[in-house]
Amino acid sequence: MALLKSPEKQVNLFYSVECEELAHKVALLSPHIILQNIKWRSFADGFPNIYINNAEELRGQHVAFLASFSSPAHVFEQLSVVYALPRLFVASFTLVLPFFPTGSFERMEEEGDVATAFTLARMLSNIPISRGGPTSIVIYDIHALQERFYFGDEVLPLFETGIPLLKQRLGQLPDADNVVIAFPDDGAWKRFHKQFDNFSVVVCTKVREGDKRIVRLKEGNVSGHHVVIVDDLVQSGGTLIECQKVLAANGAGKVSAYVTHGVFPNQSWERFTHKNESLEKAFTHFWITDSCPRTVKAIANRAPFEVLSLAGSIADALQI
């Protein structure tokens, strides 16, 4: 007997300042999502002075908050709101954190290294329980898969991925039948290869030669193909650039790239623009999602970048 589908619930969606554009996109995709406002102010000493509008009207309502922790300076004020909302006698509370930022550079190699990803996960695990039970936390393509085990039993993490957005976009390409997926290292292959069962894949690898780490093609044929490099995030972009060079040297007809999280500190995205003569048309397309709002604004209308919005996926996740 088929399970009956539950009626869609109305969700009151609050959002951080950085996520305003994404929040509006989410609301446009569903009549069941109502945008709510927060007054983000500061006292004279710089500490947050925050006011949640219509707080009393939230009693018995489903509530969500769309957060952006990409800037450490704004984490505290958002956590203050995240801790306050479940206490307003809401029916349920969901935190949508598209990009879980800590841990992307962490390597626990010796005693004294501090795992800040574990710290943030513990902070989120202490979000108060609402009337409906534990908080749901929606995260996209968390960098290190073991980080999912950092969360305590007091919250319910839901790990989503942006890969379906990429596959949909690839299907729209005029050369869709000629696309090959490339992974820049074994880690990316282990993480994503099962989501590309209908594609030919190639794998690159990093080998150490003296003090240098060299990218080489480990397996697969790229000759004449449109090769799309897939990874969860990009920082400086050095690995992607070296991978592109290797693929081109092995006969790739075109090279494009996809990452869920375009972090790009220090405007490192400039290395990939078609105005950069050293990388002129090296990447035919560079797809990112809107998980990092600052990057989305910075790369707007700059080739080869194109944003694949998480709005639809977030709207669906809020109905779970």
C-alpha atoms as a PDB file:
ATOM      1  CA  MET A   1       0.000   0.000   0.000  1.00  0.00           C
ATOM      2  CA  ALA A   2       1.457   3.348  -1.041  1.00  0.00           C
ATOM      3  CA  LEU A   3       2.113   5.903   1.675  1.00  0.00           C
ATOM      4  CA  LEU A   4      -0.120   8.960   1.587  1.00  0.00           C
ATOM      5  CA  LYS A   5       1.760  12.184   0.923  1.00  0.00           C
ATOM      6  CA  SER A   6       1.424  14.698   3.744  1.00  0.00           C
ATOM      7  CA  PRO A   7      -0.038  18.085   2.850  1.00  0.00           C
ATOM      8  CA  GLU A   8       2.562  20.791   2.414  1.00  0.00           C
ATOM      9  CA  LYS A   9       3.142  22.882   5.508  1.00  0.00           C
ATOM     10  CA  GLN A  10       3.462  26.660   5.658  1.00  0.00           C
ATOM     11  CA  VAL A  11       6.977  27.644   6.690  1.00  0.00           C
ATOM     12  CA  ASN A  12       7.990  31.043   8.035  1.00  0.00           C
ATOM     13  CA  LEU A  13      11.470  31.648   6.626  1.00  0.00           C
ATOM     14  CA  PHE A  14      13.865  34.053   8.321  1.00  0.00           C
ATOM     15  CA  TYR A  15      17.263  34.764   6.790  1.00  0.00           C
ATOM     16  CA  SER A  16      20.635  36.398   7.362  1.00  0.00           C
ATOM     17  CA  VAL A  17      21.557  39.621   5.589  1.00  0.00           C
ATOM     18  CA  GLU A  18      23.840  37.798   3.138  1.00  0.00           C
ATOM     19  CA  CYS A  19      21.123  35.294   2.236  1.00  0.00           C
ATOM     20  CA  GLU A  20      18.385  37.779   1.368  1.00  0.00           C
ATOM     21  CA  GLU A  21      18.552  37.161  -2.388  1.00  0.00           C
ATOM     22  CA  LEU A  22      18.545  33.381  -1.976  1.00  0.00           C
ATOM     23  CA  ALA A  23      15.658  33.564   0.514  1.00  0.00           C
ATOM     24  CA  HIS A  24      13.552  35.515  -1.965  1.00  0.00           C
ATOM     25  CA  LYS A  25      14.290  32.920  -4.652  1.00  0.00           C
ATOM     26  CA  VAL A  26      13.160  30.145  -2.296  1.00  0.00           C
ATOM     27  CA  ALA A  27       9.930  31.966  -1.484  1.00  0.00           C
ATOM     28  CA  LEU A  28       9.169  32.566  -5.161  1.00  0.00           C
ATOM     29  CA  LEU A  29       9.260  28.825  -5.789  1.00  0.00           C
ATOM     30  CA  SER A  30       6.701  27.872  -3.151  1.00  0.00           C
ATOM     31  CA  PRO A  31       3.448  29.510  -2.037  1.00  0.00           C
ATOM     32  CA  HIS A  32       3.900  27.707   1.275  1.00  0.00           C
ATOM     33  CA  ILE A  33       7.009  29.677   2.282  1.00  0.00           C
ATOM     34  CA  ILE A  34       6.412  33.054   3.932  1.00  0.00           C
ATOM     35  CA  LEU A  35       9.375  35.405   4.312  1.00  0.00           C
ATOM     36  CA  GLN A  36       9.819  36.997   7.721  1.00  0.00           C
ATOM     37  CA  ASN A  37      12.101  39.833   8.805  1.00  0.00           C
ATOM     38  CA  ILE A  38      14.726  40.390  11.442  1.00  0.00           C
ATOM     39  CA  LYS A  39      16.124  43.773  12.455  1.00  0.00           C
ATOM     40  CA  TRP A  40      19.889  43.358  12.443  1.00  0.00           C
ATOM     41  CA  ARG A  41      21.262  46.206  14.560  1.00  0.00           C
ATOM     42  CA  SER A  42      24.256  46.777  16.803  1.00  0.00           C
ATOM     43  CA  PHE A  43      24.813  48.507  20.119  1.00  0.00           C
ATOM     44  CA  ALA A  44      27.440  51.218  20.427  1.00  0.00           C
ATOM     45  CA  ASP A  45      29.986  48.661  21.612  1.00  0.00           C
ATOM     46  CA  GLY A  46      29.511  46.587  18.456  1.00  0.00           C
ATOM     47  CA  PHE A  47      27.581  43.687  19.969  1.00  0.00           C
ATOM     48  CA  PRO A  48      24.376  42.629  18.209  1.00  0.00           C
ATOM     49  CA  ASN A  49      21.058  44.299  18.968  1.00  0.00           C
ATOM     50  CA  ILE A  50      18.609  41.982  17.224  1.00  0.00           C
ATOM     51  CA  TYR A  51      14.828  42.046  17.006  1.00  0.00           C
ATOM     52  CA  ILE A  52      12.652  39.233  15.584  1.00  0.00           C
ATOM     53  CA  ASN A  53       9.557  40.692  13.994  1.00  0.00           C
ATOM     54  CA  ASN A  54       6.136  39.124  14.673  1.00  0.00           C
ATOM     55  CA  ALA A  55       7.565  36.861  17.367  1.00  0.00           C
ATOM     56  CA  GLU A  56       4.241  36.212  19.120  1.00  0.00           C
ATOM     57  CA  GLU A  57       2.556  35.261  15.845  1.00  0.00           C
ATOM     58  CA  LEU A  58       5.076  32.416  15.385  1.00  0.00           C
ATOM     59  CA  ARG A  59       3.531  30.294  18.133  1.00  0.00           C
ATOM     60  CA  GLY A  60       2.469  26.974  16.702  1.00  0.00           C
ATOM     61  CA  GLN A  61       4.015  27.797  13.313  1.00  0.00           C
ATOM     62  CA  HIS A  62       6.766  26.018  11.349  1.00  0.00           C
ATOM     63  CA  VAL A  63       9.876  28.196  11.295  1.00  0.00           C
ATOM     64  CA  ALA A  64      13.181  28.070   9.410  1.00  0.00           C
ATOM     65  CA  PHE A  65      16.317  30.198   9.263  1.00  0.00           C
ATOM     66  CA  LEU A  66      18.583  30.504   6.211  1.00  0.00           C
ATOM     67  CA  ALA A  67      22.127  31.124   7.438  1.00  0.00           C
ATOM     68  CA  SER A  68      25.509  32.023   5.972  1.00  0.00           C
ATOM     69  CA  PHE A  69      28.532  31.260   8.145  1.00  0.00           C
ATOM     70  CA  SER A  70      31.117  32.027   5.450  1.00  0.00           C
ATOM     71  CA  SER A  71      32.192  35.130   7.398  1.00  0.00           C
ATOM     72  CA  PRO A  72      33.244  34.389  11.020  1.00  0.00           C
ATOM     73  CA  ALA A  73      32.358  37.965  11.983  1.00  0.00           C
ATOM     74  CA  HIS A  74      28.638  37.255  11.501  1.00  0.00           C
ATOM     75  CA  VAL A  75      28.361  33.798  13.061  1.00  0.00           C
ATOM     76  CA  PHE A  76      27.651  34.996  16.606  1.00  0.00           C
ATOM     77  CA  GLU A  77      24.688  37.195  15.677  1.00  0.00           C
ATOM     78  CA  GLN A  78      23.141  34.427  13.591  1.00  0.00           C
ATOM     79  CA  LEU A  79      23.622  31.851  16.335  1.00  0.00           C
ATOM     80  CA  SER A  80      21.811  34.230  18.702  1.00  0.00           C
ATOM     81  CA  VAL A  81      18.780  34.132  16.388  1.00  0.00           C
ATOM     82  CA  VAL A  82      19.054  30.370  15.831  1.00  0.00           C
ATOM     83  CA  TYR A  83      19.003  29.786  19.596  1.00  0.00           C
ATOM     84  CA  ALA A  84      16.059  32.184  20.085  1.00  0.00           C
ATOM     85  CA  LEU A  85      13.630  31.025  17.383  1.00  0.00           C
ATOM     86  CA  PRO A  86      12.881  27.500  18.745  1.00  0.00           C
ATOM     87  CA  ARG A  87      12.011  29.042  22.133  1.00  0.00           C
ATOM     88  CA  LEU A  88       9.102  31.012  20.655  1.00  0.00           C
ATOM     89  CA  PHE A  89       6.791  27.969  21.007  1.00  0.00           C
ATOM     90  CA  VAL A  90       7.130  27.159  17.300  1.00  0.00           C
ATOM     91  CA  ALA A  91       5.795  23.883  15.912  1.00  0.00           C
ATOM     92  CA  SER A  92       9.157  23.001  14.361  1.00  0.00           C
ATOM     93  CA  PHE A  93      12.465  24.650  13.569  1.00  0.00           C
ATOM     94  CA  THR A  94      14.817  24.061  10.633  1.00  0.00           C
ATOM     95  CA  LEU A  95      18.245  25.610  10.132  1.00  0.00           C
ATOM     96  CA  VAL A  96      19.365  25.771   6.511  1.00  0.00           C
ATOM     97  CA  LEU A  97      23.150  26.174   6.355  1.00  0.00           C
ATOM     98  CA  PRO A  98      24.066  25.619   2.691  1.00  0.00           C
ATOM     99  CA  PHE A  99      27.807  25.849   3.350  1.00  0.00           C
ATOM    100  CA  PHE A 100      29.329  24.350   6.511  1.00  0.00           C
ATOM    101  CA  PRO A 101      32.578  26.359   6.372  1.00  0.00           C
ATOM    102  CA  THR A 102      34.857  24.946   9.040  1.00  0.00           C
ATOM    103  CA  GLY A 103      37.086  21.995   8.356  1.00  0.00           C
ATOM    104  CA  SER A 104      37.979  22.685   4.723  1.00  0.00           C
ATOM    105  CA  PHE A 105      41.609  23.323   5.637  1.00  0.00           C
ATOM    106  CA  GLU A 106      41.846  21.225   8.806  1.00  0.00           C
ATOM    107  CA  ARG A 107      44.298  18.373   9.102  1.00  0.00           C
ATOM    108  CA  MET A 108      44.583  16.686  12.485  1.00  0.00           C
ATOM    109  CA  GLU A 109      48.227  15.729  12.230  1.00  0.00           C
ATOM    110  CA  GLU A 110      49.604  16.304  15.709  1.00  0.00           C
ATOM    111  CA  GLU A 111      48.589  16.982  19.298  1.00  0.00           C
ATOM    112  CA  GLY A 112      47.504  20.592  19.624  1.00  0.00           C
ATOM    113  CA  ASP A 113      45.625  20.896  16.330  1.00  0.00           C
ATOM    114  CA  VAL A 114      42.107  22.172  17.030  1.00  0.00           C
ATOM    115  CA  ALA A 115      39.159  20.776  15.063  1.00  0.00           C
ATOM    116  CA  THR A 116      36.999  23.874  14.622  1.00  0.00           C
ATOM    117  CA  ALA A 117      34.503  21.856  12.562  1.00  0.00           C
ATOM    118  CA  PHE A 118      33.812  19.810  15.695  1.00  0.00           C
ATOM    119  CA  THR A 119      33.404  23.025  17.697  1.00  0.00           C
ATOM    120  CA  LEU A 120      30.823  24.442  15.279  1.00  0.00           C
ATOM    121  CA  ALA A 121      28.967  21.125  15.130  1.00  0.00           C
ATOM    122  CA  ARG A 122      28.751  21.081  18.942  1.00  0.00           C
ATOM    123  CA  MET A 123      27.433  24.657  18.959  1.00  0.00           C
ATOM    124  CA  LEU A 124      24.729  23.696  16.468  1.00  0.00           C
ATOM    125  CA  SER A 125      23.965  20.516  18.383  1.00  0.00           C
ATOM    126  CA  ASN A 126      22.923  22.663  21.353  1.00  0.00           C
ATOM    127  CA  ILE A 127      20.139  24.480  19.512  1.00  0.00           C
ATOM    128  CA  PRO A 128      17.105  24.320  21.850  1.00  0.00           C
ATOM    129  CA  ILE A 129      14.404  21.779  21.112  1.00  0.00           C
ATOM    130  CA  SER A 130      11.173  23.244  19.737  1.00  0.00           C
ATOM    131  CA  ARG A 131       7.659  22.032  20.557  1.00  0.00           C
ATOM    132  CA  GLY A 132       7.931  19.704  17.571  1.00  0.00           C
ATOM    133  CA  GLY A 133      11.181  18.101  18.675  1.00  0.00           C
ATOM    134  CA  PRO A 134      14.843  18.418  17.622  1.00  0.00           C
ATOM    135  CA  THR A 135      16.012  20.995  15.109  1.00  0.00           C
ATOM    136  CA  SER A 136      16.600  19.850  11.531  1.00  0.00           C
ATOM    137  CA  ILE A 137      19.832  21.142   9.986  1.00  0.00           C
ATOM    138  CA  VAL A 138      20.124  21.165   6.182  1.00  0.00           C
ATOM    139  CA  ILE A 139      23.693  21.215   4.836  1.00  0.00           C
ATOM    140  CA  TYR A 140      24.936  20.822   1.257  1.00  0.00           C
ATOM    141  CA  ASP A 141      28.027  18.787   0.331  1.00  0.00           C
ATOM    142  CA  ILE A 142      29.833  18.985   3.643  1.00  0.00           C
ATOM    143  CA  HIS A 143      33.565  18.966   2.915  1.00  0.00           C
ATOM    144  CA  ALA A 144      34.710  16.034   5.039  1.00  0.00           C
ATOM    145  CA  LEU A 145      32.157  13.248   5.224  1.00  0.00           C
ATOM    146  CA  GLN A 146      33.242  12.297   8.744  1.00  0.00           C
ATOM    147  CA  GLU A 147      32.035  15.710   9.945  1.00  0.00           C
ATOM    148  CA  ARG A 148      28.462  14.412   9.874  1.00  0.00           C
ATOM    149  CA  PHE A 149      29.358  12.373  12.949  1.00  0.00           C
ATOM    150  CA  TYR A 150      30.384  15.508  14.869  1.00  0.00           C
ATOM    151  CA  PHE A 151      26.725  16.413  15.481  1.00  0.00           C
ATOM    152  CA  GLY A 152      25.001  15.276  18.647  1.00  0.00           C
ATOM    153  CA  ASP A 153      21.713  13.429  19.011  1.00  0.00           C
ATOM    154  CA  GLU A 154      19.880  16.654  19.905  1.00  0.00           C
ATOM    155  CA  VAL A 155      19.653  17.744  16.229  1.00  0.00           C
ATOM    156  CA  LEU A 156      18.779  15.993  12.974  1.00  0.00           C
ATOM    157  CA  PRO A 157      21.300  16.798  10.222  1.00  0.00           C
ATOM    158  CA  LEU A 158      20.041  16.416   6.652  1.00  0.00           C
ATOM    159  CA  PHE A 159      22.903  16.219   4.154  1.00  0.00           C
ATOM    160  CA  GLU A 160      21.933  17.319   0.667  1.00  0.00           C
ATOM    161  CA  THR A 161      23.948  17.737  -2.532  1.00  0.00           C
ATOM    162  CA  GLY A 162      24.076  20.157  -5.446  1.00  0.00           C
ATOM    163  CA  ILE A 163      24.979  17.456  -7.962  1.00  0.00           C
ATOM    164  CA  PRO A 164      21.413  17.102  -9.366  1.00  0.00           C
ATOM    165  CA  LEU A 165      21.619  20.769 -10.413  1.00  0.00           C
ATOM    166  CA  LEU A 166      24.807  20.054 -12.339  1.00  0.00           C
ATOM    167  CA  LYS A 167      23.373  16.957 -14.038  1.00  0.00           C
ATOM    168  CA  GLN A 168      20.328  18.937 -15.115  1.00  0.00           C
ATOM    169  CA  ARG A 169      22.566  21.657 -16.569  1.00  0.00           C
ATOM    170  CA  LEU A 170      24.787  19.154 -18.364  1.00  0.00           C
ATOM    171  CA  GLY A 171      21.713  17.706 -20.032  1.00  0.00           C
ATOM    172  CA  GLN A 172      21.041  21.129 -21.561  1.00  0.00           C
ATOM    173  CA  LEU A 173      24.445  21.407 -23.235  1.00  0.00           C
ATOM    174  CA  PRO A 174      24.591  21.011 -27.036  1.00  0.00           C
ATOM    175  CA  ASP A 175      27.391  18.470 -26.567  1.00  0.00           C
ATOM    176  CA  ALA A 176      25.734  16.652 -23.657  1.00  0.00           C
ATOM    177  CA  ASP A 177      26.485  13.257 -25.224  1.00  0.00           C
ATOM    178  CA  ASN A 178      30.207  14.059 -25.273  1.00  0.00           C
ATOM    179  CA  VAL A 179      30.582  14.996 -21.585  1.00  0.00           C
ATOM    180  CA  VAL A 180      33.044  13.135 -19.380  1.00  0.00           C
ATOM    181  CA  ILE A 181      33.227  13.712 -15.609  1.00  0.00           C
ATOM    182  CA  ALA A 182      36.663  14.239 -14.056  1.00  0.00           C
ATOM    183  CA  PHE A 183      37.540  14.039 -10.392  1.00  0.00           C
ATOM    184  CA  PRO A 184      40.612  15.997  -9.260  1.00  0.00           C
ATOM    185  CA  ASP A 185      41.613  13.350  -6.722  1.00  0.00           C
ATOM    186  CA  ASP A 186      40.563  10.031  -5.201  1.00  0.00           C
ATOM    187  CA  GLY A 187      38.640  11.820  -2.457  1.00  0.00           C
ATOM    188  CA  ALA A 188      36.321  13.509  -4.942  1.00  0.00           C
ATOM    189  CA  TRP A 189      35.866  10.203  -6.787  1.00  0.00           C
ATOM    190  CA  LYS A 190      34.877   8.351  -3.608  1.00  0.00           C
ATOM    191  CA  ARG A 191      32.476  11.114  -2.702  1.00  0.00           C
ATOM    192  CA  PHE A 192      30.657  11.684  -6.000  1.00  0.00           C
ATOM    193  CA  HIS A 193      31.217   8.866  -8.502  1.00  0.00           C
ATOM    194  CA  LYS A 194      28.031   6.959  -7.589  1.00  0.00           C
ATOM    195  CA  GLN A 195      26.000   9.994  -8.635  1.00  0.00           C
ATOM    196  CA  PHE A 196      27.446   9.809 -12.161  1.00  0.00           C
ATOM    197  CA  ASP A 197      26.669   6.201 -13.083  1.00  0.00           C
ATOM    198  CA  ASN A 198      25.512   7.232 -16.561  1.00  0.00           C
ATOM    199  CA  PHE A 199      28.686   9.173 -17.372  1.00  0.00           C
ATOM    200  CA  SER A 200      32.181   8.152 -18.361  1.00  0.00           C
ATOM    201  CA  VAL A 201      34.606   9.264 -15.663  1.00  0.00           C
ATOM    202  CA  VAL A 202      38.296  10.004 -15.345  1.00  0.00           C
ATOM    203  CA  VAL A 203      40.338  10.431 -12.188  1.00  0.00           C
ATOM    204  CA  CYS A 204      43.323  12.664 -11.574  1.00  0.00           C
ATOM    205  CA  THR A 205      45.763  12.208  -8.739  1.00  0.00           C
ATOM    206  CA  LYS A 206      48.327  14.283  -6.885  1.00  0.00           C
ATOM    207  CA  VAL A 207      51.851  12.905  -6.605  1.00  0.00           C
ATOM    208  CA  ARG A 208      54.747  14.414  -4.731  1.00  0.00           C
ATOM    209  CA  GLU A 209      57.931  15.217  -6.614  1.00  0.00           C
ATOM    210  CA  GLY A 210      60.399  16.725  -4.198  1.00  0.00           C
ATOM    211  CA  ASP A 211      58.676  19.688  -2.550  1.00  0.00           C
ATOM    212  CA  LYS A 212      56.016  19.944  -5.263  1.00  0.00           C
ATOM    213  CA  ARG A 213      52.660  18.215  -5.650  1.00  0.00           C
ATOM    214  CA  ILE A 214      52.021  17.364  -9.284  1.00  0.00           C
ATOM    215  CA  VAL A 215      48.595  16.579 -10.758  1.00  0.00           C
ATOM    216  CA  ARG A 216      48.523  13.652 -13.184  1.00  0.00           C
ATOM    217  CA  LEU A 217      45.846  11.726 -15.039  1.00  0.00           C
ATOM    218  CA  LYS A 218      45.401   8.466 -13.145  1.00  0.00           C
ATOM    219  CA  GLU A 219      42.803   6.701 -15.286  1.00  0.00           C
ATOM    220  CA  GLY A 220      40.317   7.326 -18.078  1.00  0.00           C
ATOM    221  CA  ASN A 221      40.223   8.722 -21.619  1.00  0.00           C
ATOM    222  CA  VAL A 222      39.594  12.437 -22.229  1.00  0.00           C
ATOM    223  CA  SER A 223      40.623  12.747 -25.882  1.00  0.00           C
ATOM    224  CA  GLY A 224      38.137  14.894 -27.807  1.00  0.00           C
ATOM    225  CA  HIS A 225      35.656  15.057 -24.922  1.00  0.00           C
ATOM    226  CA  HIS A 226      34.095  17.930 -23.011  1.00  0.00           C
ATOM    227  CA  VAL A 227      35.527  17.172 -19.573  1.00  0.00           C
ATOM    228  CA  VAL A 228      33.800  18.563 -16.480  1.00  0.00           C
ATOM    229  CA  ILE A 229      35.846  18.612 -13.267  1.00  0.00           C
ATOM    230  CA  VAL A 230      33.640  17.997 -10.201  1.00  0.00           C
ATOM    231  CA  ASP A 231      34.502  18.788  -6.582  1.00  0.00           C
ATOM    232  CA  ASP A 232      32.705  19.979  -3.455  1.00  0.00           C
ATOM    233  CA  LEU A 233      34.451  23.337  -3.070  1.00  0.00           C
ATOM    234  CA  VAL A 234      37.175  25.610  -4.367  1.00  0.00           C
ATOM    235  CA  GLN A 235      39.483  27.880  -2.402  1.00  0.00           C
ATOM    236  CA  SER A 236      42.469  29.265  -4.322  1.00  0.00           C
ATOM    237  CA  GLY A 237      41.683  27.117  -7.346  1.00  0.00           C
ATOM    238  CA  GLY A 238      45.231  25.855  -7.779  1.00  0.00           C
ATOM    239  CA  THR A 239      44.245  22.193  -8.007  1.00  0.00           C
ATOM    240  CA  LEU A 240      41.540  22.898 -10.600  1.00  0.00           C
ATOM    241  CA  ILE A 241      43.968  24.873 -12.745  1.00  0.00           C
ATOM    242  CA  GLU A 242      46.604  22.137 -12.652  1.00  0.00           C
ATOM    243  CA  CYS A 243      43.959  19.527 -13.394  1.00  0.00           C
ATOM    244  CA  GLN A 244      42.771  21.535 -16.406  1.00  0.00           C
ATOM    245  CA  LYS A 245      46.297  21.686 -17.779  1.00  0.00           C
ATOM    246  CA  VAL A 246      46.690  17.911 -17.480  1.00  0.00           C
ATOM    247  CA  LEU A 247      43.337  17.240 -19.144  1.00  0.00           C
ATOM    248  CA  ALA A 248      44.098  19.631 -22.000  1.00  0.00           C
ATOM    249  CA  ALA A 249      47.538  18.067 -22.481  1.00  0.00           C
ATOM    250  CA  ASN A 250      45.833  14.672 -22.793  1.00  0.00           C
ATOM    251  CA  GLY A 251      43.583  15.857 -25.600  1.00  0.00           C
ATOM    252  CA  ALA A 252      40.418  17.143 -23.909  1.00  0.00           C
ATOM    253  CA  GLY A 253      38.357  19.143 -26.404  1.00  0.00           C
ATOM    254  CA  LYS A 254      36.894  21.388 -23.692  1.00  0.00           C
ATOM    255  CA  VAL A 255      37.308  21.628 -19.930  1.00  0.00           C
ATOM    256  CA  SER A 256      34.672  22.964 -17.528  1.00  0.00           C
ATOM    257  CA  ALA A 257      34.334  22.822 -13.747  1.00  0.00           C
ATOM    258  CA  TYR A 258      31.668  22.485 -11.068  1.00  0.00           C
ATOM    259  CA  VAL A 259      31.920  23.048  -7.317  1.00  0.00           C
ATOM    260  CA  THR A 260      29.037  23.327  -4.898  1.00  0.00           C
ATOM    261  CA  HIS A 261      30.814  25.936  -2.791  1.00  0.00           C
ATOM    262  CA  GLY A 262      32.715  28.708  -4.541  1.00  0.00           C
ATOM    263  CA  VAL A 263      34.608  30.037  -1.525  1.00  0.00           C
ATOM    264  CA  PHE A 264      37.338  31.920  -3.444  1.00  0.00           C
ATOM    265  CA  PRO A 265      39.081  33.823  -0.619  1.00  0.00           C
ATOM    266  CA  ASN A 266      40.986  36.956  -1.594  1.00  0.00           C
ATOM    267  CA  GLN A 267      39.076  37.166  -4.900  1.00  0.00           C
ATOM    268  CA  SER A 268      40.851  34.094  -6.226  1.00  0.00           C
ATOM    269  CA  TRP A 269      37.963  33.693  -8.683  1.00  0.00           C
ATOM    270  CA  GLU A 270      39.746  36.284 -10.826  1.00  0.00           C
ATOM    271  CA  ARG A 271      42.180  33.549 -11.897  1.00  0.00           C
ATOM    272  CA  PHE A 272      39.394  31.893 -13.867  1.00  0.00           C
ATOM    273  CA  THR A 273      37.813  34.832 -15.683  1.00  0.00           C
ATOM    274  CA  HIS A 274      38.115  35.003 -19.449  1.00  0.00           C
ATOM    275  CA  LYS A 275      39.830  38.370 -19.050  1.00  0.00           C
ATOM    276  CA  ASN A 276      42.776  36.564 -17.474  1.00  0.00           C
ATOM    277  CA  GLU A 277      45.094  36.115 -20.465  1.00  0.00           C
ATOM    278  CA  SER A 278      46.986  33.211 -18.910  1.00  0.00           C
ATOM    279  CA  LEU A 279      43.705  31.271 -18.602  1.00  0.00           C
ATOM    280  CA  GLU A 280      41.926  32.643 -21.662  1.00  0.00           C
ATOM    281  CA  LYS A 281      39.060  30.235 -22.313  1.00  0.00           C
ATOM    282  CA  ALA A 282      40.826  27.499 -20.333  1.00  0.00           C
ATOM    283  CA  PHE A 283      37.479  26.764 -18.680  1.00  0.00           C
ATOM    284  CA  THR A 284      34.484  26.797 -21.003  1.00  0.00           C
ATOM    285  CA  HIS A 285      32.045  26.838 -18.071  1.00  0.00           C
ATOM    286  CA  PHE A 286      32.533  27.196 -14.333  1.00  0.00           C
ATOM    287  CA  TRP A 287      29.390  26.314 -12.388  1.00  0.00           C
ATOM    288  CA  ILE A 288      28.895  27.092  -8.705  1.00  0.00           C
ATOM    289  CA  THR A 289      25.808  27.194  -6.487  1.00  0.00           C
ATOM    290  CA  ASP A 290      24.657  30.177  -4.438  1.00  0.00           C
ATOM    291  CA  SER A 291      25.815  28.636  -1.143  1.00  0.00           C
ATOM    292  CA  CYS A 292      28.392  31.450  -0.755  1.00  0.00           C
ATOM    293  CA  PRO A 293      26.461  34.698  -1.336  1.00  0.00           C
ATOM    294  CA  ARG A 294      29.503  36.969  -1.421  1.00  0.00           C
ATOM    295  CA  THR A 295      31.025  35.022  -4.270  1.00  0.00           C
ATOM    296  CA  VAL A 296      27.742  35.053  -6.195  1.00  0.00           C
ATOM    297  CA  LYS A 297      27.727  38.857  -6.135  1.00  0.00           C
ATOM    298  CA  ALA A 298      31.401  39.088  -7.070  1.00  0.00           C
ATOM    299  CA  ILE A 299      31.218  36.836 -10.149  1.00  0.00           C
ATOM    300  CA  ALA A 300      27.917  38.117 -11.518  1.00  0.00           C
ATOM    301  CA  ASN A 301      28.029  38.431 -15.331  1.00  0.00           C
ATOM    302  CA  ARG A 302      31.655  37.293 -15.469  1.00  0.00           C
ATOM    303  CA  ALA A 303      32.514  34.478 -17.869  1.00  0.00           C
ATOM    304  CA  PRO A 304      32.953  31.549 -17.478  1.00  0.00           C
ATOM    305  CA  PHE A 305      30.936  31.580 -14.235  1.00  0.00           C
ATOM    306  CA  GLU A 306      27.308  30.505 -13.978  1.00  0.00           C
ATOM    307  CA  VAL A 307      25.293  30.099 -10.788  1.00  0.00           C
ATOM    308  CA  LEU A 308      23.058  27.060 -10.281  1.00  0.00           C
ATOM    309  CA  SER A 309      20.651  28.055  -7.536  1.00  0.00           C
ATOM    310  CA  LEU A 310      19.908  25.834  -4.545  1.00  0.00           C
ATOM    311  CA  ALA A 311      16.565  27.613  -4.082  1.00  0.00           C
ATOM    312  CA  GLY A 312      14.411  24.774  -5.429  1.00  0.00           C
ATOM    313  CA  SER A 313      16.246  22.143  -3.407  1.00  0.00           C
ATOM    314  CA  ILE A 314      15.955  24.256  -0.245  1.00  0.00           C
ATOM    315  CA  ALA A 315      12.218  24.759  -0.821  1.00  0.00           C
ATOM    316  CA  ASP A 316      11.811  20.984  -1.114  1.00  0.00           C
ATOM    317  CA  ALA A 317      13.932  20.342   2.001  1.00  0.00           C
ATOM    318  CA  LEU A 318      11.738  22.663   4.061  1.00  0.00           C
ATOM    319  CA  GLN A 319       8.781  20.381   3.356  1.00  0.00           C
ATOM    320  CA  ILE A 320      10.434  17.253   4.743  1.00  0.00           C
END
